[in-house]
């Protein structure tokens, strides 16, 4: 989002998620970051890379912030259909107090494993969508027609995306069970197809260096969580993706078991 903000003449202000707090959002810190120049708050839940989801207390905190400031919310909800353990996806659009101030952006690509098609959508109050279309007209003009027809047809049957949480939860549970047999410590994962793992029992290397070493030594790819921060923070945590075939996940677990404890 930063390039888009800067192209519009704005300045991005970052409120980081704290590893020590389990990556829970600190809404007091968000509120304190708002000034008379603040125009928008961008949130992402279900969250990449942490797999955190919003709870009622989070929605209530955002309601208080919007009531006090009147800022617009952009809610990135691209993993809305990948929420686990029977929990509901809490879209900000479900809040009567937030709906009039919120633009929800999402993606068919994440839901239907077609990210290369670049088909997404936005839900917002009519005055917002008028402005969105003005920009979209001159940036992308339109999504390619065959993809739109394909999704229109596919969406007639809700079963695939309704059952998606169970599909990915089985992969999550399989991978987490495997990680427990390795020196890595998995962090809680309530959504998305990513899981964070603490490698502090394996290495003292910085995250980026450790991720490179894992590829060289074990042939297992990961993403250093520090790269998701504006000001990188080293917590010795990497992100794994479990959106893989079971045999691939099993092979990766066996390789990670070789890591020194």
C-alpha atoms as a PDB file:
ATOM      1  CA  UNK A   1       0.000   0.000   0.000  1.00  0.00           C
ATOM      2  CA  UNK A   2       2.887   2.396   0.592  1.00  0.00           C
ATOM      3  CA  UNK A   3       3.551   3.247  -3.099  1.00  0.00           C
ATOM      4  CA  UNK A   4      -0.146   4.014  -3.641  1.00  0.00           C
ATOM      5  CA  UNK A   5      -0.206   6.231  -0.560  1.00  0.00           C
ATOM      6  CA  UNK A   6       2.886   8.115  -1.663  1.00  0.00           C
ATOM      7  CA  UNK A   7       1.626   8.509  -5.239  1.00  0.00           C
ATOM      8  CA  UNK A   8      -1.476  10.155  -3.775  1.00  0.00           C
ATOM      9  CA  UNK A   9       0.715  12.583  -1.850  1.00  0.00           C
ATOM     10  CA  UNK A  10       0.200  10.910   1.505  1.00  0.00           C
ATOM     11  CA  UNK A  11       2.570   9.548   4.108  1.00  0.00           C
ATOM     12  CA  UNK A  12       2.324   6.074   5.578  1.00  0.00           C
ATOM     13  CA  UNK A  13       2.475   5.857   9.374  1.00  0.00           C
ATOM     14  CA  UNK A  14       3.204   2.370  10.687  1.00  0.00           C
ATOM     15  CA  UNK A  15       1.871   0.833  13.893  1.00  0.00           C
ATOM     16  CA  UNK A  16       3.738  -2.480  14.221  1.00  0.00           C
ATOM     17  CA  UNK A  17       2.428  -5.695  15.745  1.00  0.00           C
ATOM     18  CA  UNK A  18       4.484  -6.744  18.757  1.00  0.00           C
ATOM     19  CA  UNK A  19       5.848 -10.282  18.846  1.00  0.00           C
ATOM     20  CA  UNK A  20       5.859 -10.181  22.647  1.00  0.00           C
ATOM     21  CA  UNK A  21       2.086  -9.574  22.614  1.00  0.00           C
ATOM     22  CA  UNK A  22       1.429 -12.454  20.238  1.00  0.00           C
ATOM     23  CA  UNK A  23       1.024  -9.968  17.385  1.00  0.00           C
ATOM     24  CA  UNK A  24      -2.240  -8.686  18.872  1.00  0.00           C
ATOM     25  CA  UNK A  25      -3.088  -5.193  17.591  1.00  0.00           C
ATOM     26  CA  UNK A  26      -2.511  -2.408  20.107  1.00  0.00           C
ATOM     27  CA  UNK A  27      -5.508  -0.163  19.426  1.00  0.00           C
ATOM     28  CA  UNK A  28      -4.407   2.468  21.939  1.00  0.00           C
ATOM     29  CA  UNK A  29      -1.229   2.815  19.942  1.00  0.00           C
ATOM     30  CA  UNK A  30      -3.274   3.109  16.746  1.00  0.00           C
ATOM     31  CA  UNK A  31      -5.431   5.815  18.326  1.00  0.00           C
ATOM     32  CA  UNK A  32      -2.384   7.730  19.511  1.00  0.00           C
ATOM     33  CA  UNK A  33      -0.912   7.652  15.998  1.00  0.00           C
ATOM     34  CA  UNK A  34      -3.902   9.530  14.573  1.00  0.00           C
ATOM     35  CA  UNK A  35      -3.489  13.267  14.001  1.00  0.00           C
ATOM     36  CA  UNK A  36      -5.468  15.990  12.266  1.00  0.00           C
ATOM     37  CA  UNK A  37      -3.741  14.913   9.046  1.00  0.00           C
ATOM     38  CA  UNK A  38      -4.835  11.265   9.251  1.00  0.00           C
ATOM     39  CA  UNK A  39      -7.239  10.315   6.472  1.00  0.00           C
ATOM     40  CA  UNK A  40      -7.286   6.541   6.507  1.00  0.00           C
ATOM     41  CA  UNK A  41      -6.464   3.454   8.542  1.00  0.00           C
ATOM     42  CA  UNK A  42      -5.523   0.271   6.672  1.00  0.00           C
ATOM     43  CA  UNK A  43      -6.005  -3.046   8.456  1.00  0.00           C
ATOM     44  CA  UNK A  44      -5.499  -6.634   7.292  1.00  0.00           C
ATOM     45  CA  UNK A  45      -7.441  -9.481   8.911  1.00  0.00           C
ATOM     46  CA  UNK A  46      -7.183 -12.431   8.596  1.00  0.00           C
ATOM     47  CA  UNK A  47      -3.617 -11.286   8.815  1.00  0.00           C
ATOM     48  CA  UNK A  48      -0.637 -12.152   6.673  1.00  0.00           C
ATOM     49  CA  UNK A  49       1.875 -13.219   7.934  1.00  0.00           C
ATOM     50  CA  UNK A  50       0.688 -13.933  11.501  1.00  0.00           C
ATOM     51  CA  UNK A  51      -2.608 -15.731  10.837  1.00  0.00           C
ATOM     52  CA  UNK A  52      -4.375 -13.594  13.447  1.00  0.00           C
ATOM     53  CA  UNK A  53      -8.080 -12.793  13.160  1.00  0.00           C
ATOM     54  CA  UNK A  54     -10.237  -9.993  14.517  1.00  0.00           C
ATOM     55  CA  UNK A  55     -12.249 -10.543  17.686  1.00  0.00           C
ATOM     56  CA  UNK A  56     -15.253  -8.635  18.949  1.00  0.00           C
ATOM     57  CA  UNK A  57     -13.007  -6.562  21.200  1.00  0.00           C
ATOM     58  CA  UNK A  58     -10.987  -5.467  18.153  1.00  0.00           C
ATOM     59  CA  UNK A  59     -14.075  -4.411  16.218  1.00  0.00           C
ATOM     60  CA  UNK A  60     -15.299  -2.473  19.254  1.00  0.00           C
ATOM     61  CA  UNK A  61     -11.950  -0.685  19.487  1.00  0.00           C
ATOM     62  CA  UNK A  62     -12.144   0.311  15.827  1.00  0.00           C
ATOM     63  CA  UNK A  63     -15.700   1.538  16.341  1.00  0.00           C
ATOM     64  CA  UNK A  64     -14.498   3.856  19.096  1.00  0.00           C
ATOM     65  CA  UNK A  65     -11.639   5.131  16.950  1.00  0.00           C
ATOM     66  CA  UNK A  66     -13.910   5.898  13.990  1.00  0.00           C
ATOM     67  CA  UNK A  67     -16.508   7.527  16.243  1.00  0.00           C
ATOM     68  CA  UNK A  68     -13.816   9.809  17.661  1.00  0.00           C
ATOM     69  CA  UNK A  69     -12.026  10.660  14.423  1.00  0.00           C
ATOM     70  CA  UNK A  70     -14.249   9.947  11.410  1.00  0.00           C
ATOM     71  CA  UNK A  71     -11.342   8.395   9.487  1.00  0.00           C
ATOM     72  CA  UNK A  72     -11.922   6.005   6.586  1.00  0.00           C
ATOM     73  CA  UNK A  73     -11.018   2.335   7.033  1.00  0.00           C
ATOM     74  CA  UNK A  74      -9.585   0.127   4.313  1.00  0.00           C
ATOM     75  CA  UNK A  75      -9.969  -3.489   5.376  1.00  0.00           C
ATOM     76  CA  UNK A  76      -7.872  -6.033   3.461  1.00  0.00           C
ATOM     77  CA  UNK A  77      -9.840  -9.271   3.885  1.00  0.00           C
ATOM     78  CA  UNK A  78      -8.372 -11.433   1.130  1.00  0.00           C
ATOM     79  CA  UNK A  79      -8.173 -14.489   3.422  1.00  0.00           C
ATOM     80  CA  UNK A  80     -11.828 -14.177   4.479  1.00  0.00           C
ATOM     81  CA  UNK A  81     -12.640 -17.783   3.519  1.00  0.00           C
ATOM     82  CA  UNK A  82      -9.640 -19.345   5.277  1.00  0.00           C
ATOM     83  CA  UNK A  83     -10.568 -19.052   8.961  1.00  0.00           C
ATOM     84  CA  UNK A  84     -10.188 -22.100  11.210  1.00  0.00           C
ATOM     85  CA  UNK A  85     -11.708 -23.922  14.175  1.00  0.00           C
ATOM     86  CA  UNK A  86     -15.266 -22.969  13.291  1.00  0.00           C
ATOM     87  CA  UNK A  87     -14.664 -19.285  13.920  1.00  0.00           C
ATOM     88  CA  UNK A  88     -16.524 -16.752  11.768  1.00  0.00           C
ATOM     89  CA  UNK A  89     -14.802 -14.190   9.610  1.00  0.00           C
ATOM     90  CA  UNK A  90     -15.491 -10.809  11.190  1.00  0.00           C
ATOM     91  CA  UNK A  91     -15.719  -8.414   8.278  1.00  0.00           C
ATOM     92  CA  UNK A  92     -15.737  -4.761   9.269  1.00  0.00           C
ATOM     93  CA  UNK A  93     -18.717  -4.392   6.944  1.00  0.00           C
ATOM     94  CA  UNK A  94     -20.784  -6.348   9.475  1.00  0.00           C
ATOM     95  CA  UNK A  95     -20.504  -3.505  11.956  1.00  0.00           C
ATOM     96  CA  UNK A  96     -23.311  -0.954  11.473  1.00  0.00           C
ATOM     97  CA  UNK A  97     -21.038   1.678  13.000  1.00  0.00           C
ATOM     98  CA  UNK A  98     -18.138   0.953  10.637  1.00  0.00           C
ATOM     99  CA  UNK A  99     -19.900   0.081   7.369  1.00  0.00           C
ATOM    100  CA  UNK A 100     -20.390   3.698   6.309  1.00  0.00           C
ATOM    101  CA  UNK A 101     -16.673   4.409   6.806  1.00  0.00           C
ATOM    102  CA  UNK A 102     -15.194   1.197   5.405  1.00  0.00           C
ATOM    103  CA  UNK A 103     -13.835  -0.066   2.090  1.00  0.00           C
ATOM    104  CA  UNK A 104     -13.347  -3.842   2.087  1.00  0.00           C
ATOM    105  CA  UNK A 105     -10.936  -5.223  -0.495  1.00  0.00           C
ATOM    106  CA  UNK A 106     -10.712  -8.926  -1.242  1.00  0.00           C
ATOM    107  CA  UNK A 107      -9.470 -11.373  -3.850  1.00  0.00           C
ATOM    108  CA  UNK A 108     -10.865 -14.290  -5.793  1.00  0.00           C
ATOM    109  CA  UNK A 109      -7.257 -15.324  -6.313  1.00  0.00           C
ATOM    110  CA  UNK A 110      -6.675 -16.244  -2.666  1.00  0.00           C
ATOM    111  CA  UNK A 111     -10.000 -18.073  -2.379  1.00  0.00           C
ATOM    112  CA  UNK A 112      -9.819 -20.059  -5.619  1.00  0.00           C
ATOM    113  CA  UNK A 113      -6.030 -20.393  -5.969  1.00  0.00           C
ATOM    114  CA  UNK A 114      -5.932 -18.179  -9.067  1.00  0.00           C
ATOM    115  CA  UNK A 115      -3.699 -15.342  -7.936  1.00  0.00           C
ATOM    116  CA  UNK A 116      -2.199 -15.031 -11.407  1.00  0.00           C
ATOM    117  CA  UNK A 117      -5.582 -14.010 -12.804  1.00  0.00           C
ATOM    118  CA  UNK A 118      -5.461 -10.796 -10.732  1.00  0.00           C
ATOM    119  CA  UNK A 119      -9.194 -10.639 -10.028  1.00  0.00           C
ATOM    120  CA  UNK A 120     -10.245  -8.864  -6.865  1.00  0.00           C
ATOM    121  CA  UNK A 121     -13.122  -6.768  -5.678  1.00  0.00           C
ATOM    122  CA  UNK A 122     -14.053  -3.955  -3.325  1.00  0.00           C
ATOM    123  CA  UNK A 123     -17.182  -3.417  -1.231  1.00  0.00           C
ATOM    124  CA  UNK A 124     -17.921   0.093  -0.028  1.00  0.00           C
ATOM    125  CA  UNK A 125     -20.644   2.725   0.335  1.00  0.00           C
ATOM    126  CA  UNK A 126     -21.743   4.174  -3.006  1.00  0.00           C
ATOM    127  CA  UNK A 127     -19.914   7.523  -2.616  1.00  0.00           C
ATOM    128  CA  UNK A 128     -16.652   5.614  -2.122  1.00  0.00           C
ATOM    129  CA  UNK A 129     -17.158   3.298  -5.086  1.00  0.00           C
ATOM    130  CA  UNK A 130     -17.678   6.305  -7.368  1.00  0.00           C
ATOM    131  CA  UNK A 131     -14.179   7.492  -6.505  1.00  0.00           C
ATOM    132  CA  UNK A 132     -12.723   3.977  -6.693  1.00  0.00           C
ATOM    133  CA  UNK A 133     -14.033   3.556 -10.244  1.00  0.00           C
ATOM    134  CA  UNK A 134     -12.490   6.863 -11.298  1.00  0.00           C
ATOM    135  CA  UNK A 135      -9.049   5.628 -10.307  1.00  0.00           C
ATOM    136  CA  UNK A 136      -9.585   2.064 -11.519  1.00  0.00           C
ATOM    137  CA  UNK A 137     -10.636   3.306 -14.964  1.00  0.00           C
ATOM    138  CA  UNK A 138      -7.235   4.816 -15.623  1.00  0.00           C
ATOM    139  CA  UNK A 139      -5.060   2.273 -13.821  1.00  0.00           C
ATOM    140  CA  UNK A 140      -6.466  -1.080 -14.938  1.00  0.00           C
ATOM    141  CA  UNK A 141      -9.484  -0.134 -17.082  1.00  0.00           C
ATOM    142  CA  UNK A 142     -11.080  -3.540 -16.478  1.00  0.00           C
ATOM    143  CA  UNK A 143     -10.376  -7.108 -15.463  1.00  0.00           C
ATOM    144  CA  UNK A 144     -10.079  -9.428 -18.457  1.00  0.00           C
ATOM    145  CA  UNK A 145     -13.515 -10.582 -19.600  1.00  0.00           C
ATOM    146  CA  UNK A 146     -12.989 -14.401 -19.649  1.00  0.00           C
ATOM    147  CA  UNK A 147     -11.924 -14.379 -15.988  1.00  0.00           C
ATOM    148  CA  UNK A 148     -15.017 -12.422 -14.998  1.00  0.00           C
ATOM    149  CA  UNK A 149     -17.293 -14.881 -16.798  1.00  0.00           C
ATOM    150  CA  UNK A 150     -15.420 -17.802 -15.238  1.00  0.00           C
ATOM    151  CA  UNK A 151     -15.904 -16.541 -11.685  1.00  0.00           C
ATOM    152  CA  UNK A 152     -19.530 -15.615 -12.380  1.00  0.00           C
ATOM    153  CA  UNK A 153     -20.193 -19.225 -13.355  1.00  0.00           C
ATOM    154  CA  UNK A 154     -18.120 -20.766 -10.581  1.00  0.00           C
ATOM    155  CA  UNK A 155     -19.700 -18.691  -7.817  1.00  0.00           C
ATOM    156  CA  UNK A 156     -23.099 -20.233  -8.546  1.00  0.00           C
ATOM    157  CA  UNK A 157     -21.949 -23.175  -6.416  1.00  0.00           C
ATOM    158  CA  UNK A 158     -20.865 -21.977  -2.949  1.00  0.00           C
ATOM    159  CA  UNK A 159     -19.691 -25.406  -1.795  1.00  0.00           C
ATOM    160  CA  UNK A 160     -16.001 -25.014  -2.775  1.00  0.00           C
ATOM    161  CA  UNK A 161     -15.410 -21.838  -0.797  1.00  0.00           C
ATOM    162  CA  UNK A 162     -17.734 -22.791   2.072  1.00  0.00           C
ATOM    163  CA  UNK A 163     -15.654 -25.944   2.564  1.00  0.00           C
ATOM    164  CA  UNK A 164     -12.329 -24.147   2.141  1.00  0.00           C
ATOM    165  CA  UNK A 165     -11.682 -23.689   5.888  1.00  0.00           C
ATOM    166  CA  UNK A 166     -11.836 -27.454   6.468  1.00  0.00           C
ATOM    167  CA  UNK A 167      -9.568 -28.086   3.478  1.00  0.00           C
ATOM    168  CA  UNK A 168      -6.839 -25.786   4.756  1.00  0.00           C
ATOM    169  CA  UNK A 169      -7.358 -26.620   8.416  1.00  0.00           C
ATOM    170  CA  UNK A 170      -6.487 -30.236   7.664  1.00  0.00           C
ATOM    171  CA  UNK A 171      -3.236 -29.045   6.099  1.00  0.00           C
ATOM    172  CA  UNK A 172      -2.570 -26.702   9.020  1.00  0.00           C
ATOM    173  CA  UNK A 173      -3.127 -29.451  11.577  1.00  0.00           C
ATOM    174  CA  UNK A 174      -0.931 -31.881   9.649  1.00  0.00           C
ATOM    175  CA  UNK A 175       1.905 -29.368   9.368  1.00  0.00           C
ATOM    176  CA  UNK A 176       1.648 -28.210  12.993  1.00  0.00           C
ATOM    177  CA  UNK A 177       1.748 -31.809  14.205  1.00  0.00           C
ATOM    178  CA  UNK A 178       4.871 -32.313  12.147  1.00  0.00           C
ATOM    179  CA  UNK A 179       6.520 -29.128  13.421  1.00  0.00           C
ATOM    180  CA  UNK A 180       6.105 -30.394  16.973  1.00  0.00           C
ATOM    181  CA  UNK A 181       8.582 -33.162  16.086  1.00  0.00           C
ATOM    182  CA  UNK A 182      11.203 -30.567  15.094  1.00  0.00           C
ATOM    183  CA  UNK A 183      13.184 -27.953  17.056  1.00  0.00           C
ATOM    184  CA  UNK A 184      10.894 -25.248  15.634  1.00  0.00           C
ATOM    185  CA  UNK A 185       8.102 -23.813  17.797  1.00  0.00           C
ATOM    186  CA  UNK A 186       4.944 -22.992  15.877  1.00  0.00           C
ATOM    187  CA  UNK A 187       2.981 -19.897  16.873  1.00  0.00           C
ATOM    188  CA  UNK A 188      -0.844 -19.879  16.946  1.00  0.00           C
ATOM    189  CA  UNK A 189      -2.468 -19.834  13.507  1.00  0.00           C
ATOM    190  CA  UNK A 190      -6.173 -18.967  13.402  1.00  0.00           C
ATOM    191  CA  UNK A 191      -6.439 -18.268   9.671  1.00  0.00           C
ATOM    192  CA  UNK A 192      -4.681 -18.033   6.273  1.00  0.00           C
ATOM    193  CA  UNK A 193      -2.389 -20.732   4.884  1.00  0.00           C
ATOM    194  CA  UNK A 194       0.688 -19.445   6.680  1.00  0.00           C
ATOM    195  CA  UNK A 195       2.165 -20.359  10.041  1.00  0.00           C
ATOM    196  CA  UNK A 196       4.930 -18.596  11.932  1.00  0.00           C
ATOM    197  CA  UNK A 197       7.667 -20.623  13.588  1.00  0.00           C
ATOM    198  CA  UNK A 198      10.188 -19.603  16.232  1.00  0.00           C
ATOM    199  CA  UNK A 199      13.657 -20.967  15.460  1.00  0.00           C
ATOM    200  CA  UNK A 200      15.436 -19.629  18.559  1.00  0.00           C
ATOM    201  CA  UNK A 201      16.315 -23.205  19.603  1.00  0.00           C
ATOM    202  CA  UNK A 202      17.974 -23.785  16.239  1.00  0.00           C
ATOM    203  CA  UNK A 203      20.065 -20.715  15.440  1.00  0.00           C
ATOM    204  CA  UNK A 204      21.070 -17.219  16.541  1.00  0.00           C
ATOM    205  CA  UNK A 205      21.246 -15.975  12.958  1.00  0.00           C
ATOM    206  CA  UNK A 206      19.166 -12.972  11.878  1.00  0.00           C
ATOM    207  CA  UNK A 207      15.945 -13.976  10.169  1.00  0.00           C
ATOM    208  CA  UNK A 208      16.962 -13.196   6.579  1.00  0.00           C
ATOM    209  CA  UNK A 209      20.256 -15.052   6.959  1.00  0.00           C
ATOM    210  CA  UNK A 210      18.547 -18.015   8.587  1.00  0.00           C
ATOM    211  CA  UNK A 211      15.952 -18.247   5.804  1.00  0.00           C
ATOM    212  CA  UNK A 212      18.755 -18.377   3.244  1.00  0.00           C
ATOM    213  CA  UNK A 213      20.602 -20.995   5.266  1.00  0.00           C
ATOM    214  CA  UNK A 214      17.497 -23.187   5.454  1.00  0.00           C
ATOM    215  CA  UNK A 215      17.267 -23.240   1.681  1.00  0.00           C
ATOM    216  CA  UNK A 216      20.940 -24.140   1.359  1.00  0.00           C
ATOM    217  CA  UNK A 217      21.050 -26.713   4.179  1.00  0.00           C
ATOM    218  CA  UNK A 218      17.588 -28.289   4.095  1.00  0.00           C
ATOM    219  CA  UNK A 219      15.951 -27.226   0.838  1.00  0.00           C
ATOM    220  CA  UNK A 220      13.012 -25.700   2.729  1.00  0.00           C
ATOM    221  CA  UNK A 221      11.867 -22.183   1.859  1.00  0.00           C
ATOM    222  CA  UNK A 222      10.503 -19.685   4.363  1.00  0.00           C
ATOM    223  CA  UNK A 223      10.055 -15.931   4.668  1.00  0.00           C
ATOM    224  CA  UNK A 224      11.769 -13.932   7.430  1.00  0.00           C
ATOM    225  CA  UNK A 225       9.039 -12.109   9.342  1.00  0.00           C
ATOM    226  CA  UNK A 226      11.321  -9.091   9.743  1.00  0.00           C
ATOM    227  CA  UNK A 227      10.769  -8.182   6.069  1.00  0.00           C
ATOM    228  CA  UNK A 228       7.108  -7.436   6.804  1.00  0.00           C
ATOM    229  CA  UNK A 229       8.079  -4.537   9.079  1.00  0.00           C
ATOM    230  CA  UNK A 230       8.823  -0.983   7.985  1.00  0.00           C
ATOM    231  CA  UNK A 231      11.636  -1.017  10.543  1.00  0.00           C
ATOM    232  CA  UNK A 232      12.746  -4.665  10.662  1.00  0.00           C
ATOM    233  CA  UNK A 233      12.550  -6.334  14.059  1.00  0.00           C
ATOM    234  CA  UNK A 234      14.507  -9.509  14.778  1.00  0.00           C
ATOM    235  CA  UNK A 235      12.554 -12.090  16.789  1.00  0.00           C
ATOM    236  CA  UNK A 236      13.972 -15.238  15.157  1.00  0.00           C
ATOM    237  CA  UNK A 237      10.661 -16.066  13.522  1.00  0.00           C
ATOM    238  CA  UNK A 238      10.011 -17.239   9.953  1.00  0.00           C
ATOM    239  CA  UNK A 239       6.839 -17.831   7.969  1.00  0.00           C
ATOM    240  CA  UNK A 240       6.019 -21.169   6.363  1.00  0.00           C
ATOM    241  CA  UNK A 241       3.291 -21.734   3.775  1.00  0.00           C
ATOM    242  CA  UNK A 242       1.299 -24.967   4.167  1.00  0.00           C
ATOM    243  CA  UNK A 243      -0.774 -24.603   0.992  1.00  0.00           C
ATOM    244  CA  UNK A 244       1.046 -27.632  -0.408  1.00  0.00           C
ATOM    245  CA  UNK A 245       0.365 -31.277  -1.149  1.00  0.00           C
ATOM    246  CA  UNK A 246       0.616 -33.555   1.868  1.00  0.00           C
ATOM    247  CA  UNK A 247       3.675 -35.362   0.516  1.00  0.00           C
ATOM    248  CA  UNK A 248       5.439 -32.004   0.127  1.00  0.00           C
ATOM    249  CA  UNK A 249       4.553 -31.035   3.703  1.00  0.00           C
ATOM    250  CA  UNK A 250       5.765 -34.416   4.979  1.00  0.00           C
ATOM    251  CA  UNK A 251       9.055 -34.059   3.130  1.00  0.00           C
ATOM    252  CA  UNK A 252       9.581 -30.563   4.533  1.00  0.00           C
ATOM    253  CA  UNK A 253       8.919 -31.815   8.074  1.00  0.00           C
ATOM    254  CA  UNK A 254      11.439 -34.621   7.675  1.00  0.00           C
ATOM    255  CA  UNK A 255      14.019 -32.123   6.487  1.00  0.00           C
ATOM    256  CA  UNK A 256      13.304 -29.732   9.367  1.00  0.00           C
ATOM    257  CA  UNK A 257      13.733 -32.624  11.807  1.00  0.00           C
ATOM    258  CA  UNK A 258      17.395 -32.610  10.801  1.00  0.00           C
ATOM    259  CA  UNK A 259      17.890 -29.094  12.181  1.00  0.00           C
ATOM    260  CA  UNK A 260      20.119 -29.062  15.286  1.00  0.00           C
ATOM    261  CA  UNK A 261      18.266 -28.396  18.541  1.00  0.00           C
END
